[in-house]
């Protein structure tokens, strides 16, 4: 009998009993710090934005891989916050051992870690790696921010910029 009293007491604490029935107690949801509303896009919407905004820069046989169904587009301010918190600045460039593609992979990982750590977002960042003539053979990162604009990020110095006229021949993009 004592067990049933404990179960009954639990449900009385968990639910507010009001006139007209039982109402569940609301559970407050945390907000990101700093506040960042962001925008969510489907993989198809991300791909469409990449193709439209980078159309003149894409190679004829470009491959775009977006394995997740939904992507989160952070503000430019939040993007810069994640860049400032990454520790890529401490690594020195080393040809073939830690070069441009390694920097780009590590920066993608920093954004993946941020999305996981946040526990509020429901999707990874609309951020990935781009290979092309940027302006020579190079790998950097791309990001789509909450304003819908595709930007490039140079992971070796955290520079965020709009695609340049000299950025062409993009043959691979993946998020």
N, C-alpha and C. Protein backbone atom coordinates (compact mmCIF):
# COMPACT_ATOMS: atom_id res chain seq x y z
N UNK A 1 0.82 -1.20 0.00
CA UNK A 1 0.00 0.00 0.00
C UNK A 1 0.86 1.26 0.00
N UNK A 2 1.99 1.21 0.71
CA UNK A 2 2.89 2.35 0.80
C UNK A 2 3.44 2.73 -0.58
N UNK A 3 3.72 1.73 -1.41
CA UNK A 3 4.22 1.99 -2.77
C UNK A 3 3.21 2.78 -3.58
N UNK A 4 1.93 2.45 -3.46
CA UNK A 4 0.89 3.16 -4.21
C UNK A 4 0.76 4.60 -3.73
N UNK A 5 0.96 4.83 -2.45
CA UNK A 5 0.92 6.21 -1.94
C UNK A 5 2.07 7.03 -2.52
N UNK A 6 3.26 6.40 -2.67
CA UNK A 6 4.40 7.09 -3.27
C UNK A 6 4.16 7.40 -4.74
N UNK A 7 3.58 6.45 -5.47
CA UNK A 7 3.26 6.66 -6.89
C UNK A 7 2.25 7.78 -7.03
N UNK A 8 1.20 7.77 -6.20
CA UNK A 8 0.17 8.81 -6.22
C UNK A 8 0.78 10.17 -5.89
N UNK A 9 1.66 10.23 -4.92
CA UNK A 9 2.31 11.49 -4.54
C UNK A 9 3.18 12.02 -5.69
N UNK A 10 3.87 11.11 -6.40
CA UNK A 10 4.69 11.52 -7.54
C UNK A 10 3.83 12.18 -8.61
N UNK A 11 2.70 11.54 -8.96
CA UNK A 11 1.85 12.10 -10.01
C UNK A 11 1.21 13.40 -9.57
N UNK A 12 0.91 13.56 -8.30
CA UNK A 12 0.36 14.83 -7.80
C UNK A 12 1.39 15.95 -7.93
N UNK A 13 2.67 15.62 -7.68
CA UNK A 13 3.72 16.63 -7.82
C UNK A 13 4.00 16.93 -9.29
N UNK A 14 3.98 15.90 -10.13
CA UNK A 14 4.31 16.06 -11.54
C UNK A 14 3.22 16.81 -12.31
N UNK A 15 1.95 16.53 -11.95
CA UNK A 15 0.83 17.17 -12.62
C UNK A 15 0.14 18.12 -11.65
N UNK A 16 -0.23 19.27 -12.14
CA UNK A 16 -1.06 20.17 -11.35
C UNK A 16 -2.49 19.72 -11.55
N UNK A 17 -3.20 19.51 -10.50
CA UNK A 17 -4.59 19.13 -10.63
C UNK A 17 -5.42 20.40 -10.48
N UNK A 18 -6.09 20.78 -11.55
CA UNK A 18 -6.92 21.98 -11.56
C UNK A 18 -8.35 21.59 -11.91
N UNK A 19 -9.22 22.55 -11.71
CA UNK A 19 -10.62 22.31 -12.05
C UNK A 19 -10.71 22.05 -13.55
N UNK A 20 -11.33 21.01 -13.93
CA UNK A 20 -11.47 20.68 -15.34
C UNK A 20 -10.49 19.60 -15.78
N UNK A 21 -9.63 19.14 -14.92
CA UNK A 21 -8.74 18.04 -15.30
C UNK A 21 -7.31 18.25 -14.87
N UNK A 22 -6.45 17.39 -15.39
CA UNK A 22 -5.03 17.40 -15.05
C UNK A 22 -4.28 18.18 -16.12
N UNK A 23 -3.42 19.09 -15.68
CA UNK A 23 -2.62 19.90 -16.58
C UNK A 23 -1.15 19.60 -16.31
N UNK A 24 -0.36 19.19 -17.32
CA UNK A 24 1.05 18.89 -17.07
C UNK A 24 1.83 20.15 -16.71
N UNK A 25 2.81 20.01 -15.83
CA UNK A 25 3.67 21.12 -15.45
C UNK A 25 4.61 21.42 -16.61
N UNK A 26 4.65 22.67 -17.09
CA UNK A 26 5.54 22.97 -18.22
C UNK A 26 7.00 22.88 -17.79
N UNK A 27 7.83 22.39 -18.72
CA UNK A 27 9.26 22.30 -18.47
C UNK A 27 9.93 23.41 -19.27
N UNK A 28 10.65 24.33 -18.58
CA UNK A 28 11.27 25.44 -19.31
C UNK A 28 12.35 24.92 -20.25
N UNK A 29 12.43 25.53 -21.45
CA UNK A 29 13.47 25.15 -22.40
C UNK A 29 14.59 26.18 -22.35
N UNK A 30 15.83 25.73 -22.37
CA UNK A 30 16.96 26.67 -22.31
C UNK A 30 17.09 27.44 -23.62
N UNK A 31 17.70 28.60 -23.54
CA UNK A 31 17.96 29.39 -24.74
C UNK A 31 19.45 29.44 -24.98
N UNK A 32 19.86 29.52 -26.24
CA UNK A 32 21.29 29.56 -26.52
C UNK A 32 21.92 30.83 -25.97
N UNK A 33 23.18 30.76 -25.66
CA UNK A 33 23.89 31.91 -25.14
C UNK A 33 25.08 32.16 -26.06
N UNK A 34 25.22 33.25 -26.77
CA UNK A 34 24.29 34.37 -26.83
C UNK A 34 23.04 33.99 -27.62
N UNK A 35 21.92 34.72 -27.36
CA UNK A 35 20.70 34.39 -28.10
C UNK A 35 20.93 34.44 -29.60
N UNK A 36 20.51 33.41 -30.28
CA UNK A 36 20.71 33.31 -31.72
C UNK A 36 19.55 32.51 -32.29
N UNK A 37 18.63 33.18 -32.92
CA UNK A 37 17.44 32.50 -33.41
C UNK A 37 17.76 31.54 -34.56
N UNK A 38 18.64 31.95 -35.44
CA UNK A 38 19.01 31.07 -36.55
C UNK A 38 17.85 30.73 -37.46
N UNK A 39 18.15 30.03 -38.52
CA UNK A 39 17.17 29.62 -39.51
C UNK A 39 17.46 28.17 -39.84
N UNK A 40 16.42 27.38 -40.08
CA UNK A 40 16.59 25.98 -40.46
C UNK A 40 16.21 25.82 -41.92
N UNK A 41 17.04 25.10 -42.68
CA UNK A 41 16.78 24.81 -44.08
C UNK A 41 16.88 23.31 -44.32
N UNK A 42 16.11 22.82 -45.26
CA UNK A 42 16.24 21.42 -45.65
C UNK A 42 17.50 21.28 -46.51
N UNK A 43 17.95 20.04 -46.69
CA UNK A 43 19.11 19.79 -47.53
C UNK A 43 18.86 20.29 -48.95
N UNK A 44 17.65 20.11 -49.44
CA UNK A 44 17.31 20.57 -50.80
C UNK A 44 17.42 22.10 -50.88
N UNK A 45 16.99 22.81 -49.84
CA UNK A 45 17.08 24.28 -49.84
C UNK A 45 18.54 24.73 -49.77
N UNK A 46 19.36 24.03 -48.97
CA UNK A 46 20.79 24.37 -48.89
C UNK A 46 21.44 24.16 -50.25
N UNK A 47 21.16 23.03 -50.87
CA UNK A 47 21.75 22.73 -52.18
C UNK A 47 21.33 23.77 -53.21
N UNK A 48 20.07 24.17 -53.19
CA UNK A 48 19.57 25.17 -54.13
C UNK A 48 20.29 26.51 -53.93
N UNK A 49 20.49 26.92 -52.66
CA UNK A 49 21.20 28.17 -52.39
C UNK A 49 22.65 28.09 -52.86
N UNK A 50 23.31 26.97 -52.60
CA UNK A 50 24.70 26.81 -53.04
C UNK A 50 24.78 26.89 -54.57
N UNK A 51 23.91 26.17 -55.25
CA UNK A 51 23.95 26.16 -56.72
C UNK A 51 23.61 27.53 -57.30
N UNK A 52 22.63 28.22 -56.72
CA UNK A 52 22.21 29.51 -57.26
C UNK A 52 23.28 30.58 -57.01
N UNK A 53 23.76 30.67 -55.77
CA UNK A 53 24.69 31.74 -55.42
C UNK A 53 26.10 31.50 -55.95
N UNK A 54 26.45 30.25 -56.19
CA UNK A 54 27.80 29.94 -56.66
C UNK A 54 27.80 29.45 -58.10
N UNK A 55 26.70 29.61 -58.81
CA UNK A 55 26.54 29.00 -60.14
C UNK A 55 27.72 29.25 -61.08
N UNK A 56 28.23 30.46 -61.16
CA UNK A 56 29.32 30.77 -62.08
C UNK A 56 30.66 30.22 -61.58
N UNK A 57 30.70 29.77 -60.34
CA UNK A 57 31.95 29.31 -59.74
C UNK A 57 32.06 27.79 -59.71
N UNK A 58 30.98 27.11 -60.02
CA UNK A 58 30.95 25.65 -59.94
C UNK A 58 31.47 25.00 -61.21
N UNK A 59 32.26 23.96 -61.05
CA UNK A 59 32.71 23.17 -62.19
C UNK A 59 31.49 22.44 -62.78
N UNK A 60 31.56 22.09 -64.04
CA UNK A 60 30.44 21.43 -64.71
C UNK A 60 30.03 20.14 -64.00
N UNK A 61 30.99 19.41 -63.49
CA UNK A 61 30.70 18.12 -62.83
C UNK A 61 30.85 18.20 -61.30
N UNK A 62 30.50 19.35 -60.73
CA UNK A 62 30.61 19.53 -59.28
C UNK A 62 29.80 18.47 -58.52
N UNK A 63 30.33 18.04 -57.39
CA UNK A 63 29.63 17.11 -56.50
C UNK A 63 29.32 17.86 -55.21
N UNK A 64 28.04 17.84 -54.80
CA UNK A 64 27.61 18.48 -53.56
C UNK A 64 26.97 17.40 -52.70
N UNK A 65 27.57 17.12 -51.55
CA UNK A 65 27.07 16.09 -50.64
C UNK A 65 26.53 16.73 -49.37
N UNK A 66 25.25 16.53 -49.12
CA UNK A 66 24.58 17.05 -47.93
C UNK A 66 23.86 15.88 -47.26
N UNK A 67 24.53 15.17 -46.36
CA UNK A 67 23.98 13.93 -45.83
C UNK A 67 22.85 14.07 -44.81
N UNK A 68 22.66 15.26 -44.24
CA UNK A 68 21.62 15.43 -43.22
C UNK A 68 20.36 16.02 -43.83
N UNK A 69 19.19 15.73 -43.26
CA UNK A 69 17.94 16.24 -43.85
C UNK A 69 17.69 17.72 -43.60
N UNK A 70 18.26 18.28 -42.51
CA UNK A 70 18.01 19.66 -42.12
C UNK A 70 19.32 20.30 -41.66
N UNK A 71 19.45 21.60 -41.91
CA UNK A 71 20.66 22.33 -41.50
C UNK A 71 20.27 23.63 -40.81
N UNK A 72 21.10 24.03 -39.86
CA UNK A 72 20.91 25.25 -39.07
C UNK A 72 21.79 26.35 -39.63
N UNK A 73 21.21 27.52 -39.89
CA UNK A 73 21.95 28.66 -40.42
C UNK A 73 22.12 29.70 -39.31
N UNK A 74 23.31 29.79 -38.72
CA UNK A 74 23.52 30.74 -37.62
C UNK A 74 23.72 32.16 -38.14
N UNK A 75 23.68 33.11 -37.23
CA UNK A 75 23.98 34.49 -37.60
C UNK A 75 25.48 34.62 -37.89
N UNK A 76 25.86 35.69 -38.54
CA UNK A 76 27.28 35.94 -38.79
C UNK A 76 28.00 36.14 -37.46
N UNK A 77 27.33 36.83 -36.53
CA UNK A 77 27.92 37.07 -35.21
C UNK A 77 28.20 35.74 -34.50
N UNK A 78 27.25 34.81 -34.55
CA UNK A 78 27.45 33.52 -33.90
C UNK A 78 28.55 32.72 -34.61
N UNK A 79 28.61 32.82 -35.93
CA UNK A 79 29.67 32.16 -36.69
C UNK A 79 31.03 32.64 -36.21
N UNK A 80 31.17 33.95 -36.03
CA UNK A 80 32.45 34.52 -35.58
C UNK A 80 32.76 34.09 -34.15
N UNK A 81 31.74 33.90 -33.33
CA UNK A 81 31.94 33.41 -31.96
C UNK A 81 32.53 32.00 -31.98
N UNK A 82 31.97 31.12 -32.80
CA UNK A 82 32.48 29.74 -32.89
C UNK A 82 33.90 29.75 -33.44
N UNK A 83 34.17 30.61 -34.43
CA UNK A 83 35.52 30.71 -34.98
C UNK A 83 36.51 31.16 -33.90
N UNK A 84 36.12 32.15 -33.10
CA UNK A 84 37.01 32.66 -32.05
C UNK A 84 37.29 31.59 -30.99
N UNK A 85 36.32 30.71 -30.75
CA UNK A 85 36.49 29.66 -29.74
C UNK A 85 37.27 28.45 -30.25
N UNK A 86 37.38 28.32 -31.58
CA UNK A 86 38.13 27.17 -32.11
C UNK A 86 39.62 27.38 -31.82
N UNK A 87 40.34 26.29 -31.75
CA UNK A 87 41.76 26.39 -31.42
C UNK A 87 42.66 26.15 -32.63
N UNK A 88 42.13 26.36 -33.83
CA UNK A 88 42.93 26.12 -35.03
C UNK A 88 44.10 27.09 -35.17
N UNK A 89 44.00 28.24 -34.51
CA UNK A 89 45.05 29.26 -34.60
C UNK A 89 46.40 28.73 -34.11
N UNK A 90 46.38 27.76 -33.21
CA UNK A 90 47.63 27.28 -32.62
C UNK A 90 48.39 26.30 -33.54
N UNK A 91 47.73 25.81 -34.60
CA UNK A 91 48.39 24.85 -35.49
C UNK A 91 49.16 25.59 -36.59
N UNK A 92 50.31 25.06 -36.93
CA UNK A 92 51.11 25.62 -38.01
C UNK A 92 50.90 24.82 -39.28
N UNK A 93 50.79 25.51 -40.38
CA UNK A 93 50.64 24.87 -41.68
C UNK A 93 51.86 23.99 -41.95
N UNK A 94 51.60 22.79 -42.46
CA UNK A 94 52.67 21.88 -42.83
C UNK A 94 52.23 21.15 -44.09
N UNK A 95 52.94 21.36 -45.18
CA UNK A 95 52.56 20.77 -46.47
C UNK A 95 52.33 19.27 -46.33
N UNK A 96 51.19 18.83 -46.80
CA UNK A 96 50.76 17.43 -46.84
C UNK A 96 50.48 16.83 -45.46
N UNK A 97 51.07 17.36 -44.40
CA UNK A 97 50.82 16.79 -43.07
C UNK A 97 49.66 17.51 -42.37
N UNK A 98 49.64 18.82 -42.42
CA UNK A 98 48.53 19.60 -41.89
C UNK A 98 48.37 20.81 -42.79
N UNK A 99 47.70 20.58 -43.93
CA UNK A 99 47.55 21.64 -44.93
C UNK A 99 46.11 22.10 -45.01
N UNK A 100 45.74 22.73 -46.10
CA UNK A 100 44.44 23.41 -46.21
C UNK A 100 43.25 22.48 -45.97
N UNK A 101 43.28 21.27 -46.51
CA UNK A 101 42.14 20.38 -46.31
C UNK A 101 42.03 19.93 -44.86
N UNK A 102 43.16 19.78 -44.17
CA UNK A 102 43.13 19.41 -42.75
C UNK A 102 42.54 20.54 -41.91
N UNK A 103 42.93 21.78 -42.21
CA UNK A 103 42.33 22.93 -41.53
C UNK A 103 40.82 22.94 -41.74
N UNK A 104 40.39 22.75 -42.99
CA UNK A 104 38.96 22.80 -43.31
C UNK A 104 38.19 21.69 -42.58
N UNK A 105 38.77 20.50 -42.51
CA UNK A 105 38.12 19.39 -41.81
C UNK A 105 38.01 19.70 -40.31
N UNK A 106 39.08 20.23 -39.74
CA UNK A 106 39.07 20.55 -38.31
C UNK A 106 38.06 21.66 -37.99
N UNK A 107 37.93 22.64 -38.89
CA UNK A 107 36.94 23.70 -38.64
C UNK A 107 35.52 23.14 -38.74
N UNK A 108 35.28 22.27 -39.71
CA UNK A 108 33.97 21.61 -39.81
C UNK A 108 33.68 20.85 -38.51
N UNK A 109 34.69 20.19 -37.96
CA UNK A 109 34.53 19.45 -36.71
C UNK A 109 34.21 20.40 -35.55
N UNK A 110 34.82 21.59 -35.52
CA UNK A 110 34.54 22.56 -34.46
C UNK A 110 33.08 23.00 -34.51
N UNK A 111 32.53 23.19 -35.72
CA UNK A 111 31.12 23.56 -35.85
C UNK A 111 30.20 22.39 -35.49
N UNK A 112 30.61 21.17 -35.82
CA UNK A 112 29.82 19.99 -35.44
C UNK A 112 29.80 19.86 -33.92
N UNK A 113 30.93 20.09 -33.29
CA UNK A 113 31.01 20.02 -31.83
C UNK A 113 30.13 21.11 -31.19
N UNK A 114 30.12 22.31 -31.77
CA UNK A 114 29.28 23.38 -31.24
C UNK A 114 27.80 23.01 -31.32
N UNK A 115 27.37 22.44 -32.44
CA UNK A 115 25.96 22.04 -32.59
C UNK A 115 25.61 20.96 -31.58
N UNK A 116 26.52 20.04 -31.31
CA UNK A 116 26.27 18.96 -30.35
C UNK A 116 26.23 19.52 -28.93
N UNK A 117 27.18 20.39 -28.62
CA UNK A 117 27.31 20.94 -27.27
C UNK A 117 26.11 21.82 -26.90
N UNK A 118 25.53 22.49 -27.88
CA UNK A 118 24.44 23.44 -27.63
C UNK A 118 23.21 22.77 -27.02
N UNK A 119 22.85 21.58 -27.48
CA UNK A 119 21.70 20.80 -26.99
C UNK A 119 20.35 21.48 -27.22
N UNK A 120 20.33 22.61 -27.92
CA UNK A 120 19.08 23.30 -28.22
C UNK A 120 18.73 23.13 -29.69
N UNK A 121 19.77 23.16 -30.53
CA UNK A 121 19.55 23.06 -31.97
C UNK A 121 19.18 21.64 -32.35
N UNK A 122 18.40 21.53 -33.40
CA UNK A 122 17.95 20.22 -33.86
C UNK A 122 18.69 19.76 -35.11
N UNK A 123 19.71 20.50 -35.52
CA UNK A 123 20.38 20.16 -36.78
C UNK A 123 21.82 20.65 -36.76
N UNK A 124 22.67 20.09 -37.62
CA UNK A 124 24.04 20.59 -37.75
C UNK A 124 24.04 21.94 -38.45
N UNK A 125 25.13 22.65 -38.32
CA UNK A 125 25.28 23.94 -39.01
C UNK A 125 25.29 23.72 -40.52
N UNK A 126 24.76 24.71 -41.25
CA UNK A 126 24.82 24.69 -42.72
C UNK A 126 26.23 25.14 -43.09
N UNK A 127 27.18 24.28 -42.78
CA UNK A 127 28.59 24.59 -42.90
C UNK A 127 29.32 23.36 -43.40
N UNK A 128 30.26 23.56 -44.30
CA UNK A 128 30.99 22.41 -44.80
C UNK A 128 32.30 22.81 -45.46
N UNK A 129 32.81 21.91 -46.25
CA UNK A 129 34.11 22.09 -46.88
C UNK A 129 33.90 22.26 -48.39
N UNK A 130 34.71 23.13 -48.98
CA UNK A 130 34.64 23.37 -50.41
C UNK A 130 36.05 23.25 -50.99
N UNK A 131 36.17 22.50 -52.09
CA UNK A 131 37.44 22.35 -52.81
C UNK A 131 37.28 22.98 -54.18
N UNK A 132 38.29 23.73 -54.60
CA UNK A 132 38.24 24.34 -55.92
C UNK A 132 39.45 25.20 -56.16
N UNK A 133 39.35 26.06 -57.16
CA UNK A 133 40.40 27.03 -57.46
C UNK A 133 40.05 28.29 -56.69
N UNK A 134 40.57 28.39 -55.49
CA UNK A 134 40.13 29.42 -54.54
C UNK A 134 41.27 30.32 -54.07
N UNK A 135 41.96 31.08 -54.87
CA UNK A 135 41.89 31.11 -56.33
C UNK A 135 42.73 30.02 -56.98
N UNK A 136 43.74 29.47 -56.30
CA UNK A 136 44.45 28.30 -56.82
C UNK A 136 43.86 27.07 -56.15
N UNK A 137 44.35 25.87 -56.43
CA UNK A 137 43.82 24.66 -55.78
C UNK A 137 43.88 24.82 -54.26
N UNK A 138 42.72 24.73 -53.63
CA UNK A 138 42.65 25.04 -52.20
C UNK A 138 41.39 24.44 -51.62
N UNK A 139 41.40 24.20 -50.32
CA UNK A 139 40.21 23.78 -49.58
C UNK A 139 39.96 24.80 -48.48
N UNK A 140 38.72 25.26 -48.40
CA UNK A 140 38.29 26.17 -47.34
C UNK A 140 36.91 25.70 -46.88
N UNK A 141 36.22 26.52 -46.12
CA UNK A 141 34.88 26.17 -45.65
C UNK A 141 33.86 27.14 -46.24
N UNK A 142 32.61 26.65 -46.30
CA UNK A 142 31.49 27.52 -46.66
C UNK A 142 30.50 27.49 -45.50
N UNK A 143 29.71 28.53 -45.40
CA UNK A 143 28.64 28.57 -44.40
C UNK A 143 27.49 29.37 -44.99
N UNK A 144 26.28 28.96 -44.68
CA UNK A 144 25.10 29.74 -45.03
C UNK A 144 24.58 30.32 -43.73
N UNK A 145 24.54 31.65 -43.66
CA UNK A 145 24.09 32.31 -42.44
C UNK A 145 22.59 32.56 -42.48
N UNK A 146 22.06 33.07 -41.37
CA UNK A 146 20.62 33.26 -41.24
C UNK A 146 20.05 34.28 -42.23
N UNK A 147 20.90 35.05 -42.89
CA UNK A 147 20.43 35.97 -43.93
C UNK A 147 20.34 35.27 -45.29
N UNK A 148 20.68 33.97 -45.33
CA UNK A 148 20.57 33.19 -46.56
C UNK A 148 21.75 33.34 -47.51
N UNK A 149 22.78 34.05 -47.09
CA UNK A 149 23.93 34.30 -47.95
C UNK A 149 25.02 33.26 -47.71
N UNK A 150 25.56 32.72 -48.81
CA UNK A 150 26.68 31.79 -48.74
C UNK A 150 27.95 32.60 -48.56
N UNK A 151 28.71 32.26 -47.53
CA UNK A 151 29.99 32.90 -47.28
C UNK A 151 31.07 31.82 -47.23
N UNK A 152 32.29 32.23 -47.51
CA UNK A 152 33.44 31.34 -47.38
C UNK A 152 34.18 31.70 -46.09
N UNK A 153 34.85 30.71 -45.53
CA UNK A 153 35.66 30.92 -44.32
C UNK A 153 37.04 30.33 -44.60
N UNK A 154 38.06 31.13 -44.39
CA UNK A 154 39.44 30.63 -44.48
C UNK A 154 39.80 30.12 -43.09
N UNK A 155 39.86 28.80 -42.91
CA UNK A 155 40.05 28.25 -41.57
C UNK A 155 41.43 28.51 -40.97
N UNK A 156 42.39 28.92 -41.79
CA UNK A 156 43.73 29.17 -41.27
C UNK A 156 43.83 30.50 -40.54
N UNK A 157 42.87 31.42 -40.81
CA UNK A 157 42.92 32.73 -40.13
C UNK A 157 41.54 33.24 -39.71
N UNK A 158 40.51 32.41 -39.81
CA UNK A 158 39.13 32.75 -39.38
C UNK A 158 38.51 33.90 -40.19
N UNK A 159 39.00 34.18 -41.36
CA UNK A 159 38.44 35.24 -42.20
C UNK A 159 37.14 34.75 -42.83
N UNK A 160 36.05 35.51 -42.64
CA UNK A 160 34.75 35.21 -43.25
C UNK A 160 34.56 36.21 -44.38
N UNK A 161 34.25 35.71 -45.59
CA UNK A 161 34.15 36.61 -46.73
C UNK A 161 33.16 36.07 -47.76
N UNK A 162 32.67 36.98 -48.59
CA UNK A 162 31.81 36.59 -49.69
C UNK A 162 32.68 35.96 -50.78
N UNK A 163 32.16 34.99 -51.53
CA UNK A 163 32.95 34.40 -52.62
C UNK A 163 33.49 35.49 -53.54
N UNK A 164 34.76 35.35 -53.88
CA UNK A 164 35.45 36.36 -54.70
C UNK A 164 35.31 36.03 -56.18
N UNK A 165 35.58 37.01 -57.00
CA UNK A 165 35.53 36.82 -58.44
C UNK A 165 36.53 35.76 -58.89
N UNK A 166 37.65 35.66 -58.19
CA UNK A 166 38.70 34.72 -58.56
C UNK A 166 38.43 33.29 -58.06
N UNK A 167 37.40 33.09 -57.25
CA UNK A 167 37.05 31.76 -56.75
C UNK A 167 36.23 31.04 -57.82
N UNK A 168 36.83 30.03 -58.45
CA UNK A 168 36.16 29.32 -59.55
C UNK A 168 36.48 27.84 -59.47
N UNK A 169 35.95 27.09 -60.40
CA UNK A 169 36.30 25.69 -60.54
C UNK A 169 36.01 24.84 -59.32
N UNK A 170 34.95 25.15 -58.59
CA UNK A 170 34.61 24.37 -57.40
C UNK A 170 34.15 23.00 -57.85
N UNK A 171 34.86 21.97 -57.42
CA UNK A 171 34.55 20.61 -57.86
C UNK A 171 33.92 19.74 -56.78
N UNK A 172 34.04 20.15 -55.48
CA UNK A 172 33.46 19.32 -54.42
C UNK A 172 33.05 20.20 -53.25
N UNK A 173 31.84 19.94 -52.76
CA UNK A 173 31.34 20.58 -51.55
C UNK A 173 30.67 19.51 -50.71
N UNK A 174 30.95 19.52 -49.40
CA UNK A 174 30.25 18.59 -48.53
C UNK A 174 30.03 19.22 -47.17
N UNK A 175 28.91 18.84 -46.58
CA UNK A 175 28.56 19.39 -45.26
C UNK A 175 28.61 18.28 -44.21
